[in-house]
Amino acid sequence: MENLMFAPPKCVLIMPRRGKVEIYIEVLEIIMKGEAKPTRIMYSANLSWKVFQNVLNNLITQGLITENEEPAGKDRDVKRYEITESGMNVLKYFKKATTALPK
């Protein structure tokens, strides 16, 4: 008798894992498009909070983005991120490189 409760799914899509460079570029692109709040950037890039914090810290250390704190009310500041000129240059470089490579 066939067990219907544990029937395998008919179609399984397996997404390839992204490399570090792809994640960094994606975060830079999201910030460049105007997303500035950390949670929104994290969701748009489909990252966990821990991984996202690591990526942000590395991008800030490398001078590709800046972190600004704005007062948001009672004893609270909101962090917002902006891409720097260096970050824009990195995006231009990788865009040229990916269009030059064969698919």
N, C-alpha and C. Protein backbone atom coordinates (compact mmCIF):
# COMPACT_ATOMS: atom_id res chain seq x y z
N MET A 1 0.83 -1.17 0.00
CA MET A 1 0.00 0.00 0.00
C MET A 1 0.89 1.25 0.00
N GLU A 2 0.55 2.19 -0.82
CA GLU A 2 1.33 3.42 -0.95
C GLU A 2 1.03 4.36 0.21
N ASN A 3 2.08 4.88 0.80
CA ASN A 3 1.92 5.81 1.92
C ASN A 3 1.81 7.22 1.35
N LEU A 4 0.62 7.80 1.36
CA LEU A 4 0.39 9.11 0.76
C LEU A 4 0.86 10.26 1.64
N MET A 5 1.06 10.01 2.91
CA MET A 5 1.48 11.09 3.81
C MET A 5 2.92 11.53 3.53
N PHE A 6 3.73 10.64 3.02
CA PHE A 6 5.13 10.97 2.81
C PHE A 6 5.50 10.93 1.34
N ALA A 7 4.58 11.31 0.50
CA ALA A 7 4.85 11.33 -0.93
C ALA A 7 5.88 12.42 -1.24
N PRO A 8 6.87 12.12 -2.06
CA PRO A 8 7.88 13.13 -2.38
C PRO A 8 7.26 14.24 -3.23
N PRO A 9 7.79 15.46 -3.10
CA PRO A 9 7.26 16.55 -3.91
C PRO A 9 7.51 16.28 -5.39
N LYS A 10 6.60 16.76 -6.22
CA LYS A 10 6.72 16.50 -7.66
C LYS A 10 7.81 17.34 -8.30
N CYS A 11 8.01 18.55 -7.82
CA CYS A 11 8.99 19.44 -8.42
C CYS A 11 9.78 20.12 -7.31
N VAL A 12 11.07 19.92 -7.33
CA VAL A 12 11.92 20.53 -6.31
C VAL A 12 12.90 21.45 -7.02
N LEU A 13 12.87 22.71 -6.64
CA LEU A 13 13.81 23.68 -7.20
C LEU A 13 14.95 23.87 -6.22
N ILE A 14 16.14 23.63 -6.65
CA ILE A 14 17.30 23.83 -5.80
C ILE A 14 18.06 25.05 -6.32
N MET A 15 18.12 26.05 -5.47
CA MET A 15 18.82 27.27 -5.85
C MET A 15 20.30 27.10 -5.56
N PRO A 16 21.16 27.51 -6.48
CA PRO A 16 22.59 27.42 -6.21
C PRO A 16 22.99 28.41 -5.11
N ARG A 17 23.96 28.03 -4.31
CA ARG A 17 24.42 28.91 -3.25
C ARG A 17 25.17 30.08 -3.85
N ARG A 18 25.04 31.23 -3.22
CA ARG A 18 25.77 32.42 -3.66
C ARG A 18 27.11 32.47 -2.97
N GLY A 19 28.08 32.97 -3.68
CA GLY A 19 29.40 33.18 -3.09
C GLY A 19 29.44 34.51 -2.35
N LYS A 20 30.51 34.73 -1.61
CA LYS A 20 30.66 35.96 -0.84
C LYS A 20 30.59 37.19 -1.74
N VAL A 21 31.28 37.14 -2.86
CA VAL A 21 31.31 38.30 -3.76
C VAL A 21 29.90 38.61 -4.25
N GLU A 22 29.15 37.58 -4.62
CA GLU A 22 27.78 37.80 -5.09
C GLU A 22 26.91 38.44 -4.01
N ILE A 23 27.08 38.01 -2.78
CA ILE A 23 26.31 38.58 -1.67
C ILE A 23 26.69 40.05 -1.46
N TYR A 24 27.98 40.35 -1.47
CA TYR A 24 28.44 41.72 -1.27
C TYR A 24 27.91 42.62 -2.38
N ILE A 25 27.99 42.16 -3.62
CA ILE A 25 27.51 42.94 -4.76
C ILE A 25 26.01 43.17 -4.65
N GLU A 26 25.28 42.14 -4.27
CA GLU A 26 23.83 42.28 -4.14
C GLU A 26 23.46 43.30 -3.06
N VAL A 27 24.15 43.27 -1.93
CA VAL A 27 23.88 44.24 -0.86
C VAL A 27 24.20 45.65 -1.35
N LEU A 28 25.32 45.81 -2.04
CA LEU A 28 25.67 47.13 -2.59
C LEU A 28 24.60 47.62 -3.57
N GLU A 29 24.11 46.73 -4.43
CA GLU A 29 23.07 47.11 -5.40
C GLU A 29 21.79 47.54 -4.69
N ILE A 30 21.42 46.82 -3.66
CA ILE A 30 20.20 47.15 -2.91
C ILE A 30 20.32 48.54 -2.26
N ILE A 31 21.47 48.81 -1.68
CA ILE A 31 21.69 50.12 -1.06
C ILE A 31 21.73 51.21 -2.13
N MET A 32 22.36 50.92 -3.25
CA MET A 32 22.44 51.90 -4.34
C MET A 32 21.05 52.26 -4.85
N LYS A 33 20.14 51.30 -4.88
CA LYS A 33 18.78 51.53 -5.38
C LYS A 33 17.94 52.34 -4.39
N GLY A 34 18.49 52.64 -3.20
CA GLY A 34 17.81 53.53 -2.29
C GLY A 34 17.33 52.91 -0.99
N GLU A 35 17.51 51.63 -0.82
CA GLU A 35 17.12 51.00 0.45
C GLU A 35 18.17 51.35 1.48
N ALA A 36 17.77 51.93 2.61
CA ALA A 36 18.73 52.41 3.58
C ALA A 36 18.60 51.74 4.94
N LYS A 37 17.45 51.19 5.25
CA LYS A 37 17.23 50.58 6.56
C LYS A 37 17.79 49.16 6.60
N PRO A 38 18.45 48.81 7.69
CA PRO A 38 19.12 47.51 7.75
C PRO A 38 18.20 46.31 7.56
N THR A 39 17.04 46.32 8.18
CA THR A 39 16.15 45.16 8.07
C THR A 39 15.65 45.00 6.64
N ARG A 40 15.34 46.09 6.00
CA ARG A 40 14.88 46.04 4.60
C ARG A 40 15.96 45.50 3.67
N ILE A 41 17.19 45.96 3.89
CA ILE A 41 18.32 45.49 3.08
C ILE A 41 18.50 43.99 3.30
N MET A 42 18.44 43.56 4.55
CA MET A 42 18.61 42.15 4.90
C MET A 42 17.57 41.28 4.20
N TYR A 43 16.29 41.70 4.27
CA TYR A 43 15.22 40.93 3.63
C TYR A 43 15.38 40.92 2.12
N SER A 44 15.73 42.06 1.54
CA SER A 44 15.90 42.14 0.09
C SER A 44 17.03 41.22 -0.40
N ALA A 45 18.07 41.10 0.40
CA ALA A 45 19.21 40.25 0.03
C ALA A 45 19.00 38.80 0.44
N ASN A 46 17.92 38.53 1.17
CA ASN A 46 17.60 37.18 1.63
C ASN A 46 18.73 36.59 2.47
N LEU A 47 19.13 37.35 3.51
CA LEU A 47 20.22 36.93 4.39
C LEU A 47 19.72 36.81 5.82
N SER A 48 20.39 36.01 6.61
CA SER A 48 20.11 35.95 8.04
C SER A 48 20.74 37.18 8.70
N TRP A 49 20.27 37.52 9.90
CA TRP A 49 20.77 38.72 10.58
C TRP A 49 22.27 38.61 10.86
N LYS A 50 22.73 37.45 11.30
CA LYS A 50 24.14 37.27 11.65
C LYS A 50 25.04 37.45 10.42
N VAL A 51 24.68 36.81 9.33
CA VAL A 51 25.45 36.93 8.09
C VAL A 51 25.41 38.38 7.60
N PHE A 52 24.23 38.99 7.67
CA PHE A 52 24.05 40.36 7.21
C PHE A 52 24.93 41.33 8.00
N GLN A 53 25.00 41.16 9.32
CA GLN A 53 25.84 42.02 10.15
C GLN A 53 27.32 41.91 9.74
N ASN A 54 27.74 40.70 9.44
CA ASN A 54 29.11 40.47 8.98
C ASN A 54 29.38 41.20 7.67
N VAL A 55 28.44 41.08 6.73
CA VAL A 55 28.58 41.73 5.43
C VAL A 55 28.65 43.25 5.60
N LEU A 56 27.74 43.82 6.40
CA LEU A 56 27.73 45.26 6.62
C LEU A 56 29.05 45.74 7.23
N ASN A 57 29.51 45.04 8.25
CA ASN A 57 30.77 45.43 8.90
C ASN A 57 31.94 45.42 7.91
N ASN A 58 31.98 44.39 7.05
CA ASN A 58 33.05 44.32 6.06
C ASN A 58 32.95 45.44 5.03
N LEU A 59 31.74 45.74 4.58
CA LEU A 59 31.55 46.81 3.59
C LEU A 59 31.91 48.18 4.18
N ILE A 60 31.58 48.38 5.46
CA ILE A 60 31.93 49.65 6.13
C ILE A 60 33.44 49.74 6.30
N THR A 61 34.07 48.66 6.73
CA THR A 61 35.53 48.63 6.94
C THR A 61 36.27 48.93 5.63
N GLN A 62 35.75 48.41 4.52
CA GLN A 62 36.38 48.62 3.22
C GLN A 62 36.04 49.99 2.62
N GLY A 63 35.17 50.74 3.27
CA GLY A 63 34.81 52.07 2.79
C GLY A 63 33.84 52.07 1.62
N LEU A 64 33.09 50.97 1.44
CA LEU A 64 32.16 50.88 0.32
C LEU A 64 30.77 51.42 0.67
N ILE A 65 30.46 51.44 1.98
CA ILE A 65 29.21 52.04 2.45
C ILE A 65 29.50 52.83 3.72
N THR A 66 28.59 53.74 4.05
CA THR A 66 28.70 54.48 5.30
C THR A 66 27.46 54.20 6.14
N GLU A 67 27.65 54.27 7.45
CA GLU A 67 26.56 54.07 8.40
C GLU A 67 26.25 55.40 9.05
N ASN A 68 24.99 55.83 8.98
CA ASN A 68 24.57 57.08 9.60
C ASN A 68 23.51 56.77 10.64
N GLU A 69 23.60 57.45 11.77
CA GLU A 69 22.58 57.28 12.81
C GLU A 69 21.73 58.53 12.88
N GLU A 70 20.42 58.34 12.84
CA GLU A 70 19.47 59.45 12.91
C GLU A 70 18.58 59.25 14.13
N PRO A 71 18.31 60.34 14.87
CA PRO A 71 17.41 60.20 16.02
C PRO A 71 16.00 59.81 15.55
N ALA A 72 15.41 58.84 16.28
CA ALA A 72 14.10 58.34 15.88
C ALA A 72 13.05 58.53 16.96
N GLY A 73 13.41 59.08 18.06
CA GLY A 73 12.43 59.25 19.14
C GLY A 73 13.10 59.10 20.49
N LYS A 74 12.35 58.56 21.40
CA LYS A 74 12.82 58.41 22.78
C LYS A 74 14.06 57.52 22.87
N ASP A 75 15.17 58.12 23.19
CA ASP A 75 16.42 57.37 23.44
C ASP A 75 16.72 56.32 22.38
N ARG A 76 16.40 56.61 21.15
CA ARG A 76 16.59 55.61 20.11
C ARG A 76 17.13 56.27 18.85
N ASP A 77 18.08 55.62 18.22
CA ASP A 77 18.62 56.09 16.95
C ASP A 77 18.36 55.02 15.89
N VAL A 78 18.15 55.47 14.67
CA VAL A 78 17.93 54.56 13.55
C VAL A 78 19.17 54.59 12.68
N LYS A 79 19.68 53.42 12.33
CA LYS A 79 20.84 53.33 11.44
C LYS A 79 20.35 53.28 10.00
N ARG A 80 21.04 54.04 9.17
CA ARG A 80 20.77 54.04 7.73
C ARG A 80 22.11 53.92 7.01
N TYR A 81 22.07 53.28 5.85
CA TYR A 81 23.29 53.02 5.10
C TYR A 81 23.24 53.68 3.74
N GLU A 82 24.40 54.19 3.31
CA GLU A 82 24.54 54.81 2.00
C GLU A 82 25.78 54.24 1.32
N ILE A 83 25.70 54.13 0.01
CA ILE A 83 26.84 53.65 -0.75
C ILE A 83 27.80 54.83 -0.99
N THR A 84 29.09 54.56 -0.94
CA THR A 84 30.10 55.59 -1.16
C THR A 84 30.51 55.59 -2.63
N GLU A 85 31.35 56.56 -2.98
CA GLU A 85 31.88 56.62 -4.36
C GLU A 85 32.67 55.35 -4.67
N SER A 86 33.43 54.87 -3.69
CA SER A 86 34.19 53.62 -3.88
C SER A 86 33.26 52.45 -4.13
N GLY A 87 32.15 52.41 -3.39
CA GLY A 87 31.16 51.35 -3.59
C GLY A 87 30.56 51.39 -4.98
N MET A 88 30.29 52.60 -5.47
CA MET A 88 29.76 52.76 -6.84
C MET A 88 30.78 52.26 -7.87
N ASN A 89 32.06 52.57 -7.63
CA ASN A 89 33.11 52.11 -8.54
C ASN A 89 33.21 50.59 -8.57
N VAL A 90 33.08 49.97 -7.40
CA VAL A 90 33.12 48.50 -7.33
C VAL A 90 31.97 47.91 -8.13
N LEU A 91 30.76 48.48 -7.98
CA LEU A 91 29.61 47.98 -8.73
C LEU A 91 29.82 48.13 -10.23
N LYS A 92 30.34 49.27 -10.67
CA LYS A 92 30.61 49.49 -12.10
C LYS A 92 31.61 48.46 -12.61
N TYR A 93 32.66 48.23 -11.83
CA TYR A 93 33.70 47.27 -12.22
C TYR A 93 33.11 45.87 -12.41
N PHE A 94 32.32 45.42 -11.42
CA PHE A 94 31.77 44.07 -11.51
C PHE A 94 30.70 43.96 -12.60
N LYS A 95 29.97 45.03 -12.85
CA LYS A 95 28.98 45.01 -13.93
C LYS A 95 29.69 44.85 -15.27
N LYS A 96 30.81 45.57 -15.48
CA LYS A 96 31.59 45.44 -16.70
C LYS A 96 32.16 44.02 -16.83
N ALA A 97 32.67 43.51 -15.72
CA ALA A 97 33.29 42.17 -15.75
C ALA A 97 32.26 41.10 -16.07
N THR A 98 31.06 41.18 -15.49
CA THR A 98 30.06 40.14 -15.74
C THR A 98 29.48 40.24 -17.14
N THR A 99 29.40 41.44 -17.72
CA THR A 99 28.89 41.54 -19.08
C THR A 99 29.94 41.09 -20.09
N ALA A 100 31.22 41.19 -19.75
CA ALA A 100 32.28 40.78 -20.66
C ALA A 100 32.47 39.27 -20.67
N LEU A 101 32.10 38.61 -19.60
CA LEU A 101 32.29 37.16 -19.53
C LEU A 101 31.19 36.42 -20.28
N PRO A 102 31.53 35.31 -20.94
CA PRO A 102 30.50 34.52 -21.61
C PRO A 102 29.61 33.82 -20.58
N LYS A 103 28.35 33.62 -20.96
CA LYS A 103 27.42 32.96 -20.03
C LYS A 103 27.33 31.49 -20.27
